[in-house]
Each structure stands twice: as C-alpha cells, then as structure tokens.
Amino acid sequence: MLADPKDPSTIQPYHAAFGTLEVDQARIAPRLHAVTHAAQASVKEALAAWQSRRLQVTVAALVVGSLTDPRTIRHPHMRAHGLEGHLFRTVLADALRSGGISSTFFSDRDIYQRAAAALDLSIQALRQLVSTLRDADKPWSADHRLAVAGALAASSPNAPAIA
C-alpha cells in the first residue's frame, strides 16, 4: 500500500478539487509524508514476509506507466498525475533501498522489448514464456505479466544499470 487507507487524499496527493493541480504546499506536505510512511511500512512488511519464507530479494524491477519528468508536463491535471507517478515510484525505490534492495525502472510501454533484449529472446518468445508462468488457480492480469517481464529483465546478466 502506497497511500494511507484512512486518508483518501493520499491516493492522489497532487489533486485538488475537481481534478485540478494542488499547489498549496501546506496541504501537500502531510500527504507526501503519509505516502512516504505507507511505502516504508509496506516494504518493511514485505521484507518480513520474505525473510520468514527464507527468500532473499536483492533487486526490484518497478514497471511504471511513465518515466516522463512531471515538470515538463504543461497541462496542470496531467502534471498532477505525473507528479503522483513520480512520487510513488520514488518513495517505493527509497523504501526498497533502505531495506537493502536496489531497484530499476522500466516503462510499461517498452518492458517487453527491454526484457527480450536482456534475455536474448524474441518478444514473441518472451510473451510465451511469461504466459506459461501463470498459476492456474489465480488471476493473471496484464499487470502480473508486466511484473514478471520486469523481474526477468532486472535479474538477467544483461540487465540495465540498477540504481
């Protein structure tokens, strides 16, 4: 969870009323603090769960919708979304780093190309591989497939630089 479930304003901390960009720093600051705290708590919980299963996670692949610098987005409402995307991926990467896990970012638009190249596979072969990893008893959404492609790319010997 990257937001405070008790405070709906932390889900979209840069949104003001009616989809406009929030510019009041006094309103934004506590939301950002809550998001940072939620990310740290979620990562700490995940680390404890992995350790209880004797899993050692050393790298994370964060597949995101956009890597655009939000300051370059001219439309205020779209900038709010860009700022939120940047915020969530940054606080998550920071929380992972504090837990000893490095991370790298991938765009959901090019993850299959990047993962296929890192694994020396065709995109079609990678998509086939990812589809075979499905647990028949559980849902297997596009987000799950993107996460697997990101994990494969980040853990390959030809992985991009990890931050």
C-alpha atoms as a PDB file:
ATOM      1  CA  MET A   1       0.000   0.000   0.000  1.00  0.00           C
ATOM      2  CA  LEU A   2       1.461   3.334  -1.048  1.00  0.00           C
ATOM      3  CA  ALA A   3      -1.262   5.513   0.425  1.00  0.00           C
ATOM      4  CA  ASP A   4      -2.916   5.872   3.817  1.00  0.00           C
ATOM      5  CA  PRO A   5      -6.225   3.977   3.603  1.00  0.00           C
ATOM      6  CA  LYS A   6      -7.628   6.301   6.290  1.00  0.00           C
ATOM      7  CA  ASP A   7      -6.851   9.408   4.216  1.00  0.00           C
ATOM      8  CA  PRO A   8      -8.230   9.343   0.661  1.00  0.00           C
ATOM      9  CA  SER A   9      -6.273  12.488  -0.239  1.00  0.00           C
ATOM     10  CA  THR A  10      -3.064  10.415  -0.155  1.00  0.00           C
ATOM     11  CA  ILE A  11      -4.240   8.336  -3.121  1.00  0.00           C
ATOM     12  CA  GLN A  12      -3.897  11.395  -5.366  1.00  0.00           C
ATOM     13  CA  PRO A  13      -1.877  13.819  -3.242  1.00  0.00           C
ATOM     14  CA  TYR A  14      -1.344  16.373  -6.006  1.00  0.00           C
ATOM     15  CA  HIS A  15      -5.023  16.629  -6.920  1.00  0.00           C
ATOM     16  CA  ALA A  16      -7.159  19.464  -5.647  1.00  0.00           C
ATOM     17  CA  ALA A  17     -10.923  19.627  -6.079  1.00  0.00           C
ATOM     18  CA  PHE A  18     -12.405  18.785  -9.478  1.00  0.00           C
ATOM     19  CA  GLY A  19      -9.205  17.308 -10.903  1.00  0.00           C
ATOM     20  CA  THR A  20      -7.090  20.433 -10.664  1.00  0.00           C
ATOM     21  CA  LEU A  21      -3.448  20.566  -9.616  1.00  0.00           C
ATOM     22  CA  GLU A  22      -2.934  21.128  -5.884  1.00  0.00           C
ATOM     23  CA  VAL A  23      -0.370  23.891  -5.365  1.00  0.00           C
ATOM     24  CA  ASP A  24      -0.853  24.585  -1.662  1.00  0.00           C
ATOM     25  CA  GLN A  25       2.303  23.139  -0.063  1.00  0.00           C
ATOM     26  CA  ALA A  26       0.658  23.177   3.373  1.00  0.00           C
ATOM     27  CA  ARG A  27      -1.923  20.696   2.048  1.00  0.00           C
ATOM     28  CA  ILE A  28       0.563  18.652   0.005  1.00  0.00           C
ATOM     29  CA  ALA A  29       3.277  18.160   2.670  1.00  0.00           C
ATOM     30  CA  PRO A  30       1.265  15.949   5.067  1.00  0.00           C
ATOM     31  CA  ARG A  31       0.061  13.853   2.143  1.00  0.00           C
ATOM     32  CA  LEU A  32       3.628  13.301   0.957  1.00  0.00           C
ATOM     33  CA  HIS A  33       4.679  12.365   4.484  1.00  0.00           C
ATOM     34  CA  ALA A  34       1.818   9.842   4.691  1.00  0.00           C
ATOM     35  CA  VAL A  35       2.740   8.328   1.320  1.00  0.00           C
ATOM     36  CA  THR A  36       6.396   8.015   2.357  1.00  0.00           C
ATOM     37  CA  HIS A  37       5.397   6.373   5.644  1.00  0.00           C
ATOM     38  CA  ALA A  38       2.994   3.981   3.867  1.00  0.00           C
ATOM     39  CA  ALA A  39       5.689   2.927   1.383  1.00  0.00           C
ATOM     40  CA  GLN A  40       8.205   2.302   4.166  1.00  0.00           C
ATOM     41  CA  ALA A  41       5.676   0.277   6.167  1.00  0.00           C
ATOM     42  CA  SER A  42       4.679  -1.780   3.109  1.00  0.00           C
ATOM     43  CA  VAL A  43       8.275  -2.585   2.205  1.00  0.00           C
ATOM     44  CA  LYS A  44       9.088  -3.453   5.815  1.00  0.00           C
ATOM     45  CA  GLU A  45       6.101  -5.817   5.872  1.00  0.00           C
ATOM     46  CA  ALA A  46       7.147  -7.408   2.576  1.00  0.00           C
ATOM     47  CA  LEU A  47      10.729  -7.846   3.785  1.00  0.00           C
ATOM     48  CA  ALA A  48       9.495  -9.588   6.933  1.00  0.00           C
ATOM     49  CA  ALA A  49       7.280 -11.907   4.872  1.00  0.00           C
ATOM     50  CA  TRP A  50      10.141 -12.765   2.512  1.00  0.00           C
ATOM     51  CA  GLN A  51      12.534 -13.372   5.397  1.00  0.00           C
ATOM     52  CA  SER A  52      10.016 -15.666   7.102  1.00  0.00           C
ATOM     53  CA  ARG A  53       9.972 -17.715   3.889  1.00  0.00           C
ATOM     54  CA  ARG A  54      13.783 -17.557   3.691  1.00  0.00           C
ATOM     55  CA  LEU A  55      13.654 -15.604   0.440  1.00  0.00           C
ATOM     56  CA  GLN A  56      16.428 -13.148  -0.264  1.00  0.00           C
ATOM     57  CA  VAL A  57      15.382 -10.310  -2.542  1.00  0.00           C
ATOM     58  CA  THR A  58      18.227  -8.124  -3.771  1.00  0.00           C
ATOM     59  CA  VAL A  59      16.767  -6.283  -6.746  1.00  0.00           C
ATOM     60  CA  ALA A  60      13.364  -4.917  -7.703  1.00  0.00           C
ATOM     61  CA  ALA A  61      12.036  -4.037 -11.125  1.00  0.00           C
ATOM     62  CA  LEU A  62       9.499  -1.235 -10.979  1.00  0.00           C
ATOM     63  CA  VAL A  63       7.343  -1.192 -14.111  1.00  0.00           C
ATOM     64  CA  VAL A  64       5.669   2.197 -14.367  1.00  0.00           C
ATOM     65  CA  GLY A  65       3.282   3.936 -16.729  1.00  0.00           C
ATOM     66  CA  SER A  66       5.568   6.834 -17.498  1.00  0.00           C
ATOM     67  CA  LEU A  67       9.132   7.939 -16.889  1.00  0.00           C
ATOM     68  CA  THR A  68       8.416  11.483 -18.055  1.00  0.00           C
ATOM     69  CA  ASP A  69       9.707  14.278 -15.846  1.00  0.00           C
ATOM     70  CA  PRO A  70       6.452  15.755 -14.477  1.00  0.00           C
ATOM     71  CA  ARG A  71       7.893  19.268 -14.576  1.00  0.00           C
ATOM     72  CA  THR A  72       7.760  19.055 -18.377  1.00  0.00           C
ATOM     73  CA  ILE A  73       4.011  18.397 -18.444  1.00  0.00           C
ATOM     74  CA  ARG A  74       2.173  21.599 -19.294  1.00  0.00           C
ATOM     75  CA  HIS A  75      -1.431  20.615 -18.575  1.00  0.00           C
ATOM     76  CA  PRO A  76      -1.994  21.026 -14.799  1.00  0.00           C
ATOM     77  CA  HIS A  77      -4.231  17.974 -14.375  1.00  0.00           C
ATOM     78  CA  MET A  78      -1.846  15.742 -16.308  1.00  0.00           C
ATOM     79  CA  ARG A  79       1.053  17.218 -14.313  1.00  0.00           C
ATOM     80  CA  ALA A  80      -0.748  16.156 -11.117  1.00  0.00           C
ATOM     81  CA  HIS A  81      -0.833  12.581 -12.413  1.00  0.00           C
ATOM     82  CA  GLY A  82       2.816  12.833 -13.464  1.00  0.00           C
ATOM     83  CA  LEU A  83       3.838  14.152 -10.047  1.00  0.00           C
ATOM     84  CA  GLU A  84       1.965  11.307  -8.357  1.00  0.00           C
ATOM     85  CA  GLY A  85       3.583   8.681 -10.557  1.00  0.00           C
ATOM     86  CA  HIS A  86       6.997  10.156  -9.825  1.00  0.00           C
ATOM     87  CA  LEU A  87       6.215  10.350  -6.100  1.00  0.00           C
ATOM     88  CA  PHE A  88       5.023   6.755  -5.789  1.00  0.00           C
ATOM     89  CA  ARG A  89       7.907   5.232  -7.720  1.00  0.00           C
ATOM     90  CA  THR A  90      10.451   7.382  -5.863  1.00  0.00           C
ATOM     91  CA  VAL A  91       9.195   6.630  -2.346  1.00  0.00           C
ATOM     92  CA  LEU A  92       8.977   2.936  -3.213  1.00  0.00           C
ATOM     93  CA  ALA A  93      12.534   2.881  -4.573  1.00  0.00           C
ATOM     94  CA  ASP A  94      13.749   4.761  -1.482  1.00  0.00           C
ATOM     95  CA  ALA A  95      11.962   2.347   0.869  1.00  0.00           C
ATOM     96  CA  LEU A  96      13.398  -0.641  -1.010  1.00  0.00           C
ATOM     97  CA  ARG A  97      16.895   0.861  -0.873  1.00  0.00           C
ATOM     98  CA  SER A  98      16.573   1.340   2.908  1.00  0.00           C
ATOM     99  CA  GLY A  99      15.767  -2.379   3.076  1.00  0.00           C
ATOM    100  CA  GLY A 100      18.894  -3.276   1.108  1.00  0.00           C
ATOM    101  CA  ILE A 101      17.127  -3.804  -2.226  1.00  0.00           C
ATOM    102  CA  SER A 102      18.290  -1.965  -5.320  1.00  0.00           C
ATOM    103  CA  SER A 103      15.757  -1.120  -7.989  1.00  0.00           C
ATOM    104  CA  THR A 104      15.435  -0.126 -11.592  1.00  0.00           C
ATOM    105  CA  PHE A 105      12.562   1.426 -13.509  1.00  0.00           C
ATOM    106  CA  PHE A 106      11.010   0.197 -16.718  1.00  0.00           C
ATOM    107  CA  SER A 107       8.241   1.777 -18.761  1.00  0.00           C
ATOM    108  CA  ASP A 108       5.264  -0.489 -19.338  1.00  0.00           C
ATOM    109  CA  ARG A 109       5.409   0.593 -22.991  1.00  0.00           C
ATOM    110  CA  ASP A 110       8.810  -0.940 -23.668  1.00  0.00           C
ATOM    111  CA  ILE A 111       9.303  -3.570 -20.956  1.00  0.00           C
ATOM    112  CA  TYR A 112       8.814  -6.497 -23.319  1.00  0.00           C
ATOM    113  CA  GLN A 113      11.386  -5.096 -25.760  1.00  0.00           C
ATOM    114  CA  ARG A 114      13.881  -4.403 -22.968  1.00  0.00           C
ATOM    115  CA  ALA A 115      13.329  -7.768 -21.266  1.00  0.00           C
ATOM    116  CA  ALA A 116      13.555  -9.686 -24.543  1.00  0.00           C
ATOM    117  CA  ALA A 117      16.828  -7.928 -25.372  1.00  0.00           C
ATOM    118  CA  ALA A 118      18.243  -8.583 -21.883  1.00  0.00           C
ATOM    119  CA  LEU A 119      17.349 -12.267 -22.181  1.00  0.00           C
ATOM    120  CA  ASP A 120      18.359 -12.564 -25.847  1.00  0.00           C
ATOM    121  CA  LEU A 121      14.848 -13.691 -26.791  1.00  0.00           C
ATOM    122  CA  SER A 122      12.321 -12.514 -29.326  1.00  0.00           C
ATOM    123  CA  ILE A 123       9.415 -10.537 -27.908  1.00  0.00           C
ATOM    124  CA  GLN A 124       7.101 -13.342 -29.005  1.00  0.00           C
ATOM    125  CA  ALA A 125       9.204 -15.947 -27.159  1.00  0.00           C
ATOM    126  CA  LEU A 126       9.249 -13.767 -24.034  1.00  0.00           C
ATOM    127  CA  ARG A 127       5.465 -13.314 -24.124  1.00  0.00           C
ATOM    128  CA  GLN A 128       5.078 -17.084 -24.458  1.00  0.00           C
ATOM    129  CA  LEU A 129       7.444 -17.671 -21.521  1.00  0.00           C
ATOM    130  CA  VAL A 130       5.599 -15.158 -19.341  1.00  0.00           C
ATOM    131  CA  SER A 131       2.229 -16.683 -20.191  1.00  0.00           C
ATOM    132  CA  THR A 132       3.413 -20.162 -19.126  1.00  0.00           C
ATOM    133  CA  LEU A 133       4.314 -18.932 -15.622  1.00  0.00           C
ATOM    134  CA  ARG A 134       0.671 -18.461 -14.699  1.00  0.00           C
ATOM    135  CA  ASP A 135      -0.674 -20.188 -11.599  1.00  0.00           C
ATOM    136  CA  ALA A 136      -3.905 -21.788 -12.820  1.00  0.00           C
ATOM    137  CA  ASP A 137      -5.667 -21.077  -9.520  1.00  0.00           C
ATOM    138  CA  LYS A 138      -5.002 -17.337  -9.511  1.00  0.00           C
ATOM    139  CA  PRO A 139      -5.770 -14.383 -11.774  1.00  0.00           C
ATOM    140  CA  TRP A 140      -3.050 -13.474 -14.281  1.00  0.00           C
ATOM    141  CA  SER A 141      -3.581  -9.891 -15.357  1.00  0.00           C
ATOM    142  CA  ALA A 142      -1.566  -7.646 -17.649  1.00  0.00           C
ATOM    143  CA  ASP A 143      -0.003  -6.103 -14.529  1.00  0.00           C
ATOM    144  CA  HIS A 144       1.190  -9.541 -13.397  1.00  0.00           C
ATOM    145  CA  ARG A 145       2.726 -10.218 -16.812  1.00  0.00           C
ATOM    146  CA  LEU A 146       4.455  -6.819 -16.812  1.00  0.00           C
ATOM    147  CA  ALA A 147       5.851  -7.512 -13.340  1.00  0.00           C
ATOM    148  CA  VAL A 148       7.265 -10.863 -14.461  1.00  0.00           C
ATOM    149  CA  ALA A 149       8.801  -9.294 -17.571  1.00  0.00           C
ATOM    150  CA  GLY A 150      10.372  -6.620 -15.360  1.00  0.00           C
ATOM    151  CA  ALA A 151      11.712  -9.202 -12.922  1.00  0.00           C
ATOM    152  CA  LEU A 152      13.200 -11.242 -15.756  1.00  0.00           C
ATOM    153  CA  ALA A 153      14.820  -8.148 -17.262  1.00  0.00           C
ATOM    154  CA  ALA A 154      16.223  -6.920 -13.944  1.00  0.00           C
ATOM    155  CA  SER A 155      17.626 -10.294 -12.965  1.00  0.00           C
ATOM    156  CA  SER A 156      19.237 -11.191 -16.292  1.00  0.00           C
ATOM    157  CA  PRO A 157      23.022 -10.938 -16.741  1.00  0.00           C
ATOM    158  CA  ASN A 158      22.367  -8.242 -19.367  1.00  0.00           C
ATOM    159  CA  ALA A 159      20.126  -6.206 -17.051  1.00  0.00           C
ATOM    160  CA  PRO A 160      20.213  -2.424 -17.273  1.00  0.00           C
ATOM    161  CA  ALA A 161      22.064  -0.450 -14.621  1.00  0.00           C
ATOM    162  CA  ILE A 162      20.444  -0.750 -11.216  1.00  0.00           C
ATOM    163  CA  ALA A 163      20.060   2.355  -9.073  1.00  0.00           C
END
